[in-house]
């Protein structure tokens, strides 16, 4: 049992040492560099998409405000016309 544990520890050290050497190799550094470059391109793409969505949302809000302003102005104009009609009817009634 003791030799089994010692062998497992030895294999662990061997694999760990080989892993460190592999991770520190020039080929591995090239892979890290390429992966990092891909991530940076992805970040740029996401930032561009975010800006497009933000601009579209600003346009939508602006258009919605214009629609609401037009509706309020139309409603106010109708109220004024109704009030004028009531005043005109009242004047005609008094004239009789």
N, C-alpha and C. Protein backbone atom coordinates (compact mmCIF):
# COMPACT_ATOMS: atom_id res chain seq x y z
N UNK A 1 0.83 -1.19 0.00
CA UNK A 1 0.00 0.00 0.00
C UNK A 1 0.87 1.25 0.00
N UNK A 2 1.98 1.24 0.76
CA UNK A 2 2.85 2.41 0.82
C UNK A 2 3.51 2.68 -0.53
N UNK A 3 3.89 1.58 -1.21
CA UNK A 3 4.52 1.77 -2.53
C UNK A 3 3.52 2.32 -3.54
N UNK A 4 2.24 1.98 -3.38
CA UNK A 4 1.22 2.49 -4.29
C UNK A 4 1.06 4.00 -4.11
N UNK A 5 1.05 4.44 -2.88
CA UNK A 5 0.94 5.89 -2.62
C UNK A 5 2.18 6.62 -3.13
N UNK A 6 3.33 6.03 -2.91
CA UNK A 6 4.58 6.67 -3.36
C UNK A 6 4.59 6.75 -4.89
N UNK A 7 4.14 5.69 -5.54
CA UNK A 7 4.09 5.71 -7.00
C UNK A 7 3.11 6.77 -7.50
N UNK A 8 1.95 6.90 -6.88
CA UNK A 8 0.96 7.91 -7.27
C UNK A 8 1.53 9.32 -7.11
N UNK A 9 2.21 9.56 -6.02
CA UNK A 9 2.83 10.87 -5.80
C UNK A 9 3.90 11.11 -6.85
N UNK A 10 4.71 10.11 -7.12
CA UNK A 10 5.76 10.23 -8.15
C UNK A 10 5.17 10.52 -9.52
N UNK A 11 4.09 9.82 -9.89
CA UNK A 11 3.45 10.08 -11.17
C UNK A 11 2.86 11.50 -11.21
N UNK A 12 2.31 11.92 -10.10
CA UNK A 12 1.75 13.28 -10.02
C UNK A 12 2.82 14.33 -10.24
N UNK A 13 3.96 14.13 -9.62
CA UNK A 13 5.08 15.08 -9.79
C UNK A 13 5.56 15.06 -11.23
N UNK A 14 5.67 13.87 -11.80
CA UNK A 14 6.13 13.72 -13.18
C UNK A 14 5.16 14.41 -14.15
N UNK A 15 3.88 14.17 -13.99
CA UNK A 15 2.88 14.79 -14.86
C UNK A 15 2.84 16.30 -14.64
N UNK A 16 2.95 16.72 -13.39
CA UNK A 16 2.97 18.16 -13.09
C UNK A 16 4.16 18.85 -13.72
N UNK A 17 5.33 18.24 -13.63
CA UNK A 17 6.54 18.83 -14.22
C UNK A 17 6.41 18.89 -15.73
N UNK A 18 5.93 17.82 -16.34
CA UNK A 18 5.74 17.81 -17.79
C UNK A 18 4.69 18.84 -18.19
N UNK A 19 3.64 18.97 -17.40
CA UNK A 19 2.59 19.95 -17.69
C UNK A 19 3.11 21.37 -17.66
N UNK A 20 3.95 21.67 -16.66
CA UNK A 20 4.53 23.01 -16.57
C UNK A 20 5.41 23.28 -17.78
N UNK A 21 6.21 22.32 -18.16
CA UNK A 21 7.09 22.50 -19.33
C UNK A 21 6.26 22.72 -20.60
N UNK A 22 5.18 21.93 -20.74
CA UNK A 22 4.32 22.08 -21.92
C UNK A 22 3.65 23.45 -21.93
N UNK A 23 3.14 23.88 -20.78
CA UNK A 23 2.44 25.17 -20.70
C UNK A 23 3.37 26.35 -20.92
N UNK A 24 4.65 26.18 -20.64
CA UNK A 24 5.61 27.27 -20.79
C UNK A 24 6.32 27.23 -22.14
N UNK A 25 5.96 26.31 -22.99
CA UNK A 25 6.66 26.18 -24.27
C UNK A 25 6.24 27.31 -25.23
N UNK A 26 7.05 27.49 -26.27
CA UNK A 26 6.77 28.53 -27.27
C UNK A 26 5.47 28.25 -28.02
N UNK A 27 5.20 26.98 -28.30
CA UNK A 27 3.96 26.63 -29.00
C UNK A 27 2.74 26.99 -28.15
N UNK A 28 2.83 26.72 -26.86
CA UNK A 28 1.72 27.05 -25.98
C UNK A 28 1.53 28.56 -25.91
N UNK A 29 2.63 29.32 -25.89
CA UNK A 29 2.52 30.78 -25.86
C UNK A 29 1.85 31.30 -27.13
N UNK A 30 2.12 30.67 -28.27
CA UNK A 30 1.46 31.06 -29.52
C UNK A 30 -0.05 30.81 -29.42
N UNK A 31 -0.41 29.67 -28.83
CA UNK A 31 -1.83 29.36 -28.65
C UNK A 31 -2.47 30.39 -27.73
N UNK A 32 -1.81 30.74 -26.62
CA UNK A 32 -2.35 31.74 -25.70
C UNK A 32 -2.54 33.07 -26.40
N UNK A 33 -1.55 33.43 -27.24
CA UNK A 33 -1.62 34.70 -27.95
C UNK A 33 -2.79 34.71 -28.93
N UNK A 34 -2.97 33.62 -29.65
CA UNK A 34 -4.08 33.54 -30.60
C UNK A 34 -5.43 33.55 -29.90
N UNK A 35 -5.52 32.85 -28.79
CA UNK A 35 -6.78 32.84 -28.03
C UNK A 35 -7.07 34.24 -27.50
N UNK A 36 -6.06 34.92 -26.98
CA UNK A 36 -6.25 36.27 -26.46
C UNK A 36 -6.67 37.22 -27.58
N UNK A 37 -6.07 37.09 -28.76
CA UNK A 37 -6.45 37.93 -29.90
C UNK A 37 -7.91 37.67 -30.29
N UNK A 38 -8.33 36.41 -30.27
CA UNK A 38 -9.72 36.09 -30.59
C UNK A 38 -10.68 36.69 -29.57
N UNK A 39 -10.30 36.63 -28.31
CA UNK A 39 -11.15 37.22 -27.26
C UNK A 39 -11.25 38.72 -27.46
N UNK A 40 -10.15 39.38 -27.78
CA UNK A 40 -10.18 40.82 -28.01
C UNK A 40 -11.05 41.18 -29.21
N UNK A 41 -10.99 40.36 -30.27
CA UNK A 41 -11.87 40.60 -31.42
C UNK A 41 -13.33 40.43 -31.01
N UNK A 42 -13.58 39.44 -30.18
CA UNK A 42 -14.94 39.23 -29.69
C UNK A 42 -15.43 40.41 -28.87
N UNK A 43 -14.56 40.94 -28.04
CA UNK A 43 -14.93 42.10 -27.22
C UNK A 43 -15.25 43.29 -28.11
N UNK A 44 -14.44 43.50 -29.16
CA UNK A 44 -14.70 44.59 -30.10
C UNK A 44 -16.05 44.40 -30.80
N UNK A 45 -16.34 43.19 -31.19
CA UNK A 45 -17.60 42.89 -31.85
C UNK A 45 -18.78 43.14 -30.92
N UNK A 46 -18.64 42.72 -29.69
CA UNK A 46 -19.71 42.93 -28.70
C UNK A 46 -19.91 44.41 -28.44
N UNK A 47 -18.82 45.16 -28.35
CA UNK A 47 -18.92 46.61 -28.12
C UNK A 47 -19.62 47.28 -29.30
N UNK A 48 -19.32 46.86 -30.51
CA UNK A 48 -19.96 47.44 -31.69
C UNK A 48 -21.46 47.12 -31.70
N UNK A 49 -21.80 45.88 -31.38
CA UNK A 49 -23.21 45.49 -31.31
C UNK A 49 -23.93 46.28 -30.24
N UNK A 50 -23.30 46.48 -29.10
CA UNK A 50 -23.89 47.26 -28.02
C UNK A 50 -24.17 48.68 -28.48
N UNK A 51 -23.22 49.30 -29.16
CA UNK A 51 -23.40 50.67 -29.64
C UNK A 51 -24.56 50.75 -30.64
N UNK A 52 -24.66 49.76 -31.53
CA UNK A 52 -25.78 49.75 -32.49
C UNK A 52 -27.12 49.63 -31.78
N UNK A 53 -27.19 48.75 -30.82
CA UNK A 53 -28.44 48.58 -30.06
C UNK A 53 -28.77 49.85 -29.30
N UNK A 54 -27.77 50.47 -28.71
CA UNK A 54 -27.99 51.70 -27.95
C UNK A 54 -28.51 52.81 -28.87
N UNK A 55 -27.92 52.96 -30.05
CA UNK A 55 -28.39 53.97 -31.00
C UNK A 55 -29.82 53.70 -31.44
N UNK A 56 -30.14 52.44 -31.70
CA UNK A 56 -31.50 52.09 -32.09
C UNK A 56 -32.50 52.39 -30.98
N UNK A 57 -32.13 52.11 -29.75
CA UNK A 57 -33.01 52.40 -28.62
C UNK A 57 -33.23 53.91 -28.48
N UNK A 58 -32.18 54.69 -28.67
CA UNK A 58 -32.32 56.14 -28.59
C UNK A 58 -33.25 56.65 -29.69
N UNK A 59 -33.15 56.08 -30.90
CA UNK A 59 -34.05 56.46 -31.99
C UNK A 59 -35.49 56.11 -31.65
N UNK A 60 -35.70 54.94 -31.09
CA UNK A 60 -37.05 54.50 -30.74
C UNK A 60 -37.64 55.42 -29.69
N UNK A 61 -36.87 55.77 -28.67
CA UNK A 61 -37.37 56.66 -27.62
C UNK A 61 -37.70 58.03 -28.20
N UNK A 62 -36.85 58.53 -29.07
CA UNK A 62 -37.09 59.83 -29.70
C UNK A 62 -38.38 59.80 -30.52
N UNK A 63 -38.57 58.75 -31.32
CA UNK A 63 -39.79 58.63 -32.11
C UNK A 63 -41.03 58.50 -31.22
N UNK A 64 -40.91 57.75 -30.14
CA UNK A 64 -42.04 57.59 -29.23
C UNK A 64 -42.41 58.92 -28.59
N UNK A 65 -41.42 59.74 -28.23
CA UNK A 65 -41.70 61.05 -27.66
C UNK A 65 -42.41 61.94 -28.68
N UNK A 66 -42.00 61.87 -29.94
CA UNK A 66 -42.67 62.66 -30.99
C UNK A 66 -44.12 62.23 -31.16
N UNK A 67 -44.35 60.93 -31.15
CA UNK A 67 -45.72 60.41 -31.28
C UNK A 67 -46.57 60.92 -30.13
N UNK A 68 -46.06 60.81 -28.91
CA UNK A 68 -46.82 61.26 -27.75
C UNK A 68 -47.08 62.77 -27.80
N UNK A 69 -46.08 63.54 -28.21
CA UNK A 69 -46.27 64.99 -28.30
C UNK A 69 -47.36 65.32 -29.32
N UNK A 70 -47.34 64.65 -30.47
CA UNK A 70 -48.37 64.87 -31.49
C UNK A 70 -49.75 64.50 -30.98
N UNK A 71 -49.83 63.39 -30.25
CA UNK A 71 -51.14 62.98 -29.69
C UNK A 71 -51.64 63.99 -28.67
N UNK A 72 -50.75 64.49 -27.80
CA UNK A 72 -51.17 65.47 -26.81
C UNK A 72 -51.61 66.77 -27.47
N UNK A 73 -50.88 67.18 -28.52
CA UNK A 73 -51.26 68.41 -29.23
C UNK A 73 -52.60 68.24 -29.92
N UNK A 74 -52.85 67.08 -30.53
CA UNK A 74 -54.13 66.83 -31.18
C UNK A 74 -55.27 66.80 -30.15
N UNK A 75 -55.00 66.20 -29.01
CA UNK A 75 -56.02 66.15 -27.95
C UNK A 75 -56.33 67.55 -27.44
N UNK A 76 -55.29 68.35 -27.25
CA UNK A 76 -55.48 69.72 -26.78
C UNK A 76 -56.23 70.55 -27.82
N UNK A 77 -55.91 70.37 -29.11
CA UNK A 77 -56.61 71.10 -30.17
C UNK A 77 -58.08 70.71 -30.20
N UNK A 78 -58.37 69.43 -29.99
CA UNK A 78 -59.77 68.99 -29.97
C UNK A 78 -60.50 69.60 -28.79
N UNK A 79 -59.86 69.66 -27.63
CA UNK A 79 -60.49 70.29 -26.47
C UNK A 79 -60.79 71.76 -26.74
N UNK A 80 -59.88 72.45 -27.39
CA UNK A 80 -60.09 73.86 -27.71
C UNK A 80 -61.25 74.01 -28.69
N UNK A 81 -61.30 73.17 -29.70
CA UNK A 81 -62.40 73.22 -30.67
C UNK A 81 -63.74 72.93 -29.99
N UNK A 82 -63.75 71.94 -29.10
CA UNK A 82 -64.99 71.63 -28.37
C UNK A 82 -65.41 72.81 -27.50
N UNK A 83 -64.45 73.44 -26.85
CA UNK A 83 -64.77 74.59 -26.00
C UNK A 83 -65.31 75.74 -26.85
N UNK A 84 -64.74 75.97 -28.03
CA UNK A 84 -65.23 77.03 -28.93
C UNK A 84 -66.65 76.71 -29.38
N UNK A 85 -66.91 75.44 -29.68
CA UNK A 85 -68.25 75.04 -30.11
C UNK A 85 -69.25 75.27 -28.98
N UNK A 86 -68.88 74.96 -27.76
CA UNK A 86 -69.77 75.18 -26.61
C UNK A 86 -70.01 76.67 -26.43
N UNK A 87 -68.98 77.49 -26.53
CA UNK A 87 -69.14 78.94 -26.39
C UNK A 87 -70.01 79.51 -27.49
N UNK A 88 -69.82 79.03 -28.72
CA UNK A 88 -70.63 79.50 -29.85
C UNK A 88 -72.09 79.14 -29.64
N UNK A 89 -72.35 77.90 -29.19
CA UNK A 89 -73.73 77.46 -28.94
C UNK A 89 -74.34 78.28 -27.83
N UNK A 90 -73.54 78.59 -26.83
CA UNK A 90 -74.03 79.39 -25.69
C UNK A 90 -74.36 80.83 -26.16
N UNK A 91 -73.55 81.40 -27.01
CA UNK A 91 -73.81 82.74 -27.53
C UNK A 91 -75.08 82.76 -28.37
N UNK A 92 -75.25 81.72 -29.21
CA UNK A 92 -76.45 81.63 -30.03
C UNK A 92 -77.69 81.50 -29.17
N UNK A 93 -77.59 80.76 -28.10
CA UNK A 93 -78.70 80.57 -27.18
C UNK A 93 -79.07 81.90 -26.50
N UNK A 94 -78.06 82.65 -26.13
CA UNK A 94 -78.30 83.92 -25.47
C UNK A 94 -78.85 84.96 -26.45
N UNK A 95 -78.47 84.85 -27.72
CA UNK A 95 -78.93 85.79 -28.73
C UNK A 95 -80.41 85.60 -29.04
N UNK A 96 -80.93 84.45 -28.83
CA UNK A 96 -82.34 84.17 -29.11
C UNK A 96 -83.21 84.75 -28.10
